[in-house]
C-alpha atoms as a PDB file:
ATOM      1  CA  MET A   1    -103.923   3.736 -16.271  1.00  0.00           C
ATOM      2  CA  ILE A   2    -103.121   1.296 -13.496  1.00  0.00           C
ATOM      3  CA  THR A   3     -99.591   1.819 -12.222  1.00  0.00           C
ATOM      4  CA  GLU A   4     -99.612  -0.546  -9.236  1.00  0.00           C
ATOM      5  CA  ILE A   5    -101.718  -3.331  -7.834  1.00  0.00           C
ATOM      6  CA  ILE A   6    -101.081  -4.082  -4.183  1.00  0.00           C
ATOM      7  CA  MET A   7    -102.474  -7.386  -2.956  1.00  0.00           C
ATOM      8  CA  ASP A   8    -102.385  -7.980   0.801  1.00  0.00           C
ATOM      9  CA  LYS A   9    -104.167 -10.596   2.912  1.00  0.00           C
ATOM     10  CA  ALA A  10    -106.078 -11.957  -0.108  1.00  0.00           C
ATOM     11  CA  ALA A  11    -106.113 -15.769  -0.460  1.00  0.00           C
ATOM     12  CA  CYS A  12    -102.639 -16.780  -1.652  1.00  0.00           C
ATOM     13  CA  CYS A  13    -101.224 -13.307  -0.911  1.00  0.00           C
ATOM     14  CA  LYS A  14    -100.598 -13.657   2.835  1.00  0.00           C
ATOM     15  CA  LYS A  15     -97.842 -11.067   2.616  1.00  0.00           C
ATOM     16  CA  SER A  16     -98.127  -7.843   0.662  1.00  0.00           C
ATOM     17  CA  VAL A  17     -97.345  -8.251  -3.057  1.00  0.00           C
ATOM     18  CA  THR A  18     -96.984  -5.304  -5.433  1.00  0.00           C
ATOM     19  CA  LEU A  19     -97.253  -5.482  -9.212  1.00  0.00           C
ATOM     20  CA  SER A  20     -95.988  -2.375 -10.989  1.00  0.00           C
ATOM     21  CA  THR A  21     -96.603  -1.494 -14.620  1.00  0.00           C
ATOM     22  CA  ASP A  22     -96.240   1.376 -17.039  1.00  0.00           C
ATOM     23  CA  LYS A  23     -98.338  -0.273 -19.775  1.00  0.00           C
ATOM     24  CA  ARG A  24    -101.972   0.340 -20.708  1.00  0.00           C
ATOM     25  CA  VAL A  25    -102.504  -3.348 -21.525  1.00  0.00           C
ATOM     26  CA  ASN A  26    -101.200  -6.076 -19.242  1.00  0.00           C
ATOM     27  CA  PHE A  27    -101.269  -9.832 -19.526  1.00  0.00           C
ATOM     28  CA  ILE A  28    -100.906 -11.736 -16.269  1.00  0.00           C
ATOM     29  CA  TYR A  29     -99.709 -15.326 -16.470  1.00  0.00           C
ATOM     30  CA  GLY A  30     -98.001 -17.771 -14.143  1.00  0.00           C
ATOM     31  CA  LEU A  31     -98.080 -21.155 -12.489  1.00  0.00           C
ATOM     32  CA  ASN A  32    -101.188 -22.530 -10.813  1.00  0.00           C
ATOM     33  CA  GLY A  33    -101.696 -21.184  -7.306  1.00  0.00           C
ATOM     34  CA  THR A  34     -99.670 -18.014  -7.797  1.00  0.00           C
ATOM     35  CA  GLY A  35    -102.619 -15.587  -7.528  1.00  0.00           C
ATOM     36  CA  LYS A  36    -103.659 -14.848 -11.125  1.00  0.00           C
ATOM     37  CA  SER A  37    -107.328 -15.541 -10.419  1.00  0.00           C
ATOM     38  CA  ILE A  38    -107.304 -13.539  -7.172  1.00  0.00           C
ATOM     39  CA  ILE A  39    -105.834 -10.504  -8.943  1.00  0.00           C
ATOM     40  CA  SER A  40    -108.269 -10.771 -11.868  1.00  0.00           C
ATOM     41  CA  ASP A  41    -111.229 -11.246  -9.487  1.00  0.00           C
ATOM     42  CA  TYR A  42    -110.166  -8.158  -7.543  1.00  0.00           C
ATOM     43  CA  LEU A  43    -109.828  -6.091 -10.716  1.00  0.00           C
ATOM     44  CA  TYR A  44    -113.075  -7.466 -12.189  1.00  0.00           C
ATOM     45  CA  HIS A  45    -115.138  -6.596  -9.106  1.00  0.00           C
ATOM     46  CA  TYR A  46    -113.109  -3.708  -7.637  1.00  0.00           C
ATOM     47  CA  LYS A  47    -116.100  -1.305  -7.599  1.00  0.00           C
ATOM     48  CA  SER A  48    -118.533  -3.679  -5.877  1.00  0.00           C
ATOM     49  CA  GLU A  49    -119.287  -3.425  -2.158  1.00  0.00           C
ATOM     50  CA  GLU A  50    -118.510  -7.129  -1.723  1.00  0.00           C
ATOM     51  CA  SER A  51    -115.077  -6.610  -3.287  1.00  0.00           C
ATOM     52  CA  LYS A  52    -114.370  -3.585  -1.107  1.00  0.00           C
ATOM     53  CA  GLU A  53    -114.874  -5.789   1.954  1.00  0.00           C
ATOM     54  CA  LYS A  54    -113.172  -8.910   0.580  1.00  0.00           C
ATOM     55  CA  TYR A  55    -110.125  -6.981  -0.664  1.00  0.00           C
ATOM     56  CA  ARG A  56    -110.041  -4.219   1.962  1.00  0.00           C
ATOM     57  CA  HIS A  57    -106.243  -4.580   2.353  1.00  0.00           C
ATOM     58  CA  CYS A  58    -105.625  -4.391  -1.399  1.00  0.00           C
ATOM     59  CA  GLU A  59    -105.164  -1.291  -3.513  1.00  0.00           C
ATOM     60  CA  ILE A  60    -105.096  -0.159  -7.142  1.00  0.00           C
ATOM     61  CA  LYS A  61    -102.946   2.878  -7.879  1.00  0.00           C
ATOM     62  CA  GLY A  62    -103.150   5.105 -10.943  1.00  0.00           C
ATOM     63  CA  LEU A  63    -106.705   4.155 -11.846  1.00  0.00           C
ATOM     64  CA  SER A  64    -109.051   7.019 -12.658  1.00  0.00           C
ATOM     65  CA  ASP A  65    -112.508   6.667 -14.218  1.00  0.00           C
ATOM     66  CA  GLU A  66    -111.277   4.618 -17.168  1.00  0.00           C
ATOM     67  CA  ASN A  67    -112.688   1.186 -17.863  1.00  0.00           C
ATOM     68  CA  VAL A  68    -110.777  -1.860 -16.713  1.00  0.00           C
ATOM     69  CA  LEU A  69    -111.425  -4.850 -18.956  1.00  0.00           C
ATOM     70  CA  ILE A  70    -110.731  -8.211 -17.382  1.00  0.00           C
ATOM     71  CA  TYR A  71    -111.150 -11.405 -19.370  1.00  0.00           C
ATOM     72  CA  ASN A  72    -111.444 -14.187 -16.785  1.00  0.00           C
ATOM     73  CA  GLN A  73    -113.963 -16.834 -15.688  1.00  0.00           C
ATOM     74  CA  ASN A  74    -116.255 -14.138 -14.236  1.00  0.00           C
ATOM     75  CA  PHE A  75    -116.314 -12.375 -17.613  1.00  0.00           C
ATOM     76  CA  ILE A  76    -117.205 -15.641 -19.371  1.00  0.00           C
ATOM     77  CA  LYS A  77    -120.042 -16.368 -16.913  1.00  0.00           C
ATOM     78  CA  ASP A  78    -121.410 -12.811 -17.223  1.00  0.00           C
ATOM     79  CA  TYR A  79    -121.152 -12.272 -20.983  1.00  0.00           C
ATOM     80  CA  PHE A  80    -121.265 -15.631 -22.749  1.00  0.00           C
ATOM     81  CA  TYR A  81    -124.204 -17.963 -23.095  1.00  0.00           C
ATOM     82  CA  GLU A  82    -123.291 -21.538 -23.899  1.00  0.00           C
ATOM     83  CA  SER A  83    -126.049 -23.502 -25.542  1.00  0.00           C
ATOM     84  CA  GLY A  84    -126.545 -26.905 -23.973  1.00  0.00           C
ATOM     85  CA  ALA A  85    -127.187 -28.419 -27.399  1.00  0.00           C
ATOM     86  CA  LEU A  86    -124.018 -27.194 -29.125  1.00  0.00           C
ATOM     87  CA  LYS A  87    -121.014 -27.269 -26.802  1.00  0.00           C
ATOM     88  CA  GLY A  88    -118.463 -24.608 -27.630  1.00  0.00           C
ATOM     89  CA  ILE A  89    -120.938 -22.297 -29.407  1.00  0.00           C
ATOM     90  CA  PHE A  90    -121.301 -18.993 -27.547  1.00  0.00           C
ATOM     91  CA  THR A  91    -123.142 -15.728 -27.953  1.00  0.00           C
ATOM     92  CA  LEU A  92    -121.577 -12.566 -26.562  1.00  0.00           C
ATOM     93  CA  SER A  93    -123.028  -9.909 -24.242  1.00  0.00           C
ATOM     94  CA  LYS A  94    -124.709  -9.914 -20.882  1.00  0.00           C
ATOM     95  CA  GLU A  95    -128.060  -9.024 -22.469  1.00  0.00           C
ATOM     96  CA  ASN A  96    -127.830 -11.945 -24.912  1.00  0.00           C
ATOM     97  CA  LYS A  97    -127.047 -14.336 -22.064  1.00  0.00           C
ATOM     98  CA  GLU A  98    -130.055 -13.134 -20.083  1.00  0.00           C
ATOM     99  CA  ALA A  99    -132.291 -13.318 -23.168  1.00  0.00           C
ATOM    100  CA  GLU A 100    -131.055 -16.811 -24.073  1.00  0.00           C
ATOM    101  CA  THR A 101    -131.564 -18.026 -20.496  1.00  0.00           C
ATOM    102  CA  THR A 102    -135.105 -16.604 -20.445  1.00  0.00           C
ATOM    103  CA  ILE A 103    -135.859 -18.129 -23.850  1.00  0.00           C
ATOM    104  CA  ARG A 104    -134.644 -21.579 -22.719  1.00  0.00           C
ATOM    105  CA  LYS A 105    -136.792 -21.344 -19.573  1.00  0.00           C
ATOM    106  CA  ILE A 106    -139.898 -20.380 -21.553  1.00  0.00           C
ATOM    107  CA  GLU A 107    -139.220 -23.094 -24.156  1.00  0.00           C
ATOM    108  CA  GLN A 108    -139.135 -25.651 -21.308  1.00  0.00           C
ATOM    109  CA  GLU A 109    -142.443 -24.291 -19.985  1.00  0.00           C
ATOM    110  CA  ILE A 110    -143.943 -24.572 -23.497  1.00  0.00           C
ATOM    111  CA  LYS A 111    -142.753 -28.176 -23.733  1.00  0.00           C
ATOM    112  CA  GLU A 112    -144.359 -28.992 -20.366  1.00  0.00           C
ATOM    113  CA  LEU A 113    -147.624 -27.284 -21.376  1.00  0.00           C
ATOM    114  CA  ASN A 114    -147.656 -29.186 -24.688  1.00  0.00           C
ATOM    115  CA  ASN A 115    -147.241 -32.436 -22.753  1.00  0.00           C
ATOM    116  CA  GLU A 116    -150.191 -31.468 -20.554  1.00  0.00           C
ATOM    117  CA  LYS A 117    -152.197 -30.558 -23.674  1.00  0.00           C
ATOM    118  CA  ASP A 118    -151.406 -33.971 -25.219  1.00  0.00           C
ATOM    119  CA  LYS A 119    -152.610 -35.690 -22.036  1.00  0.00           C
ATOM    120  CA  LEU A 120    -155.830 -33.634 -22.115  1.00  0.00           C
ATOM    121  CA  ASN A 121    -156.380 -34.484 -25.791  1.00  0.00           C
ATOM    122  CA  SER A 122    -155.951 -38.162 -24.971  1.00  0.00           C
ATOM    123  CA  LEU A 123    -158.464 -37.877 -22.142  1.00  0.00           C
ATOM    124  CA  ASN A 124    -160.891 -36.008 -24.417  1.00  0.00           C
ATOM    125  CA  LYS A 125    -160.650 -38.827 -26.971  1.00  0.00           C
ATOM    126  CA  LYS A 126    -161.383 -41.402 -24.259  1.00  0.00           C
ATOM    127  CA  LEU A 127    -164.269 -39.274 -23.023  1.00  0.00           C
ATOM    128  CA  GLN A 128    -165.710 -39.012 -26.546  1.00  0.00           C
ATOM    129  CA  THR A 129    -165.354 -42.790 -27.015  1.00  0.00           C
ATOM    130  CA  LYS A 130    -167.289 -43.399 -23.790  1.00  0.00           C
ATOM    131  CA  ARG A 131    -169.972 -40.896 -24.839  1.00  0.00           C
ATOM    132  CA  ASP A 132    -170.272 -42.683 -28.189  1.00  0.00           C
ATOM    133  CA  GLU A 133    -170.675 -46.009 -26.360  1.00  0.00           C
ATOM    134  CA  VAL A 134    -173.392 -44.553 -24.124  1.00  0.00           C
ATOM    135  CA  TRP A 135    -175.183 -43.043 -27.146  1.00  0.00           C
ATOM    136  CA  LYS A 136    -175.047 -46.374 -28.982  1.00  0.00           C
ATOM    137  CA  ILE A 137    -176.494 -48.232 -25.986  1.00  0.00           C
ATOM    138  CA  LYS A 138    -179.252 -45.619 -25.547  1.00  0.00           C
ATOM    139  CA  THR A 139    -180.255 -45.707 -29.229  1.00  0.00           C
ATOM    140  CA  GLU A 140    -180.248 -49.523 -29.296  1.00  0.00           C
ATOM    141  CA  TYR A 141    -182.359 -49.588 -26.144  1.00  0.00           C
ATOM    142  CA  ALA A 142    -184.777 -47.005 -27.576  1.00  0.00           C
ATOM    143  CA  LEU A 143    -185.195 -49.032 -30.776  1.00  0.00           C
ATOM    144  CA  GLN A 144    -185.959 -52.227 -28.818  1.00  0.00           C
ATOM    145  CA  HIS A 145    -188.697 -50.631 -26.698  1.00  0.00           C
END
């Protein structure tokens, strides 16, 4: 369980700021520009190498191997897929987002291939029309001679 979060030299936290808690679940709120997003970004990415460098002056105390669940903009980007057709309709999970993104990409490729196929069909029809014209001229010529 997190007992303290120490933020130092991180964006809006030019001076060291310590948040202490004795709760398992915490809700951070406040005015714009007070550091909510910085704290949630730090907690969301605290295990990543990039975070270790970016937040090298920050510290989390009391955290063991338990999961830290952070619901912020990073979480939304990673776990929700928003369909372009229906705004506000989401599917949940990182795997679903990746699958939906792949499906949309392939559907676009199918649409492009169908357009190419339609163009080829149109050209084939024109080609057949020209062949029919040539055949007609040849048969008329053969009948006259």
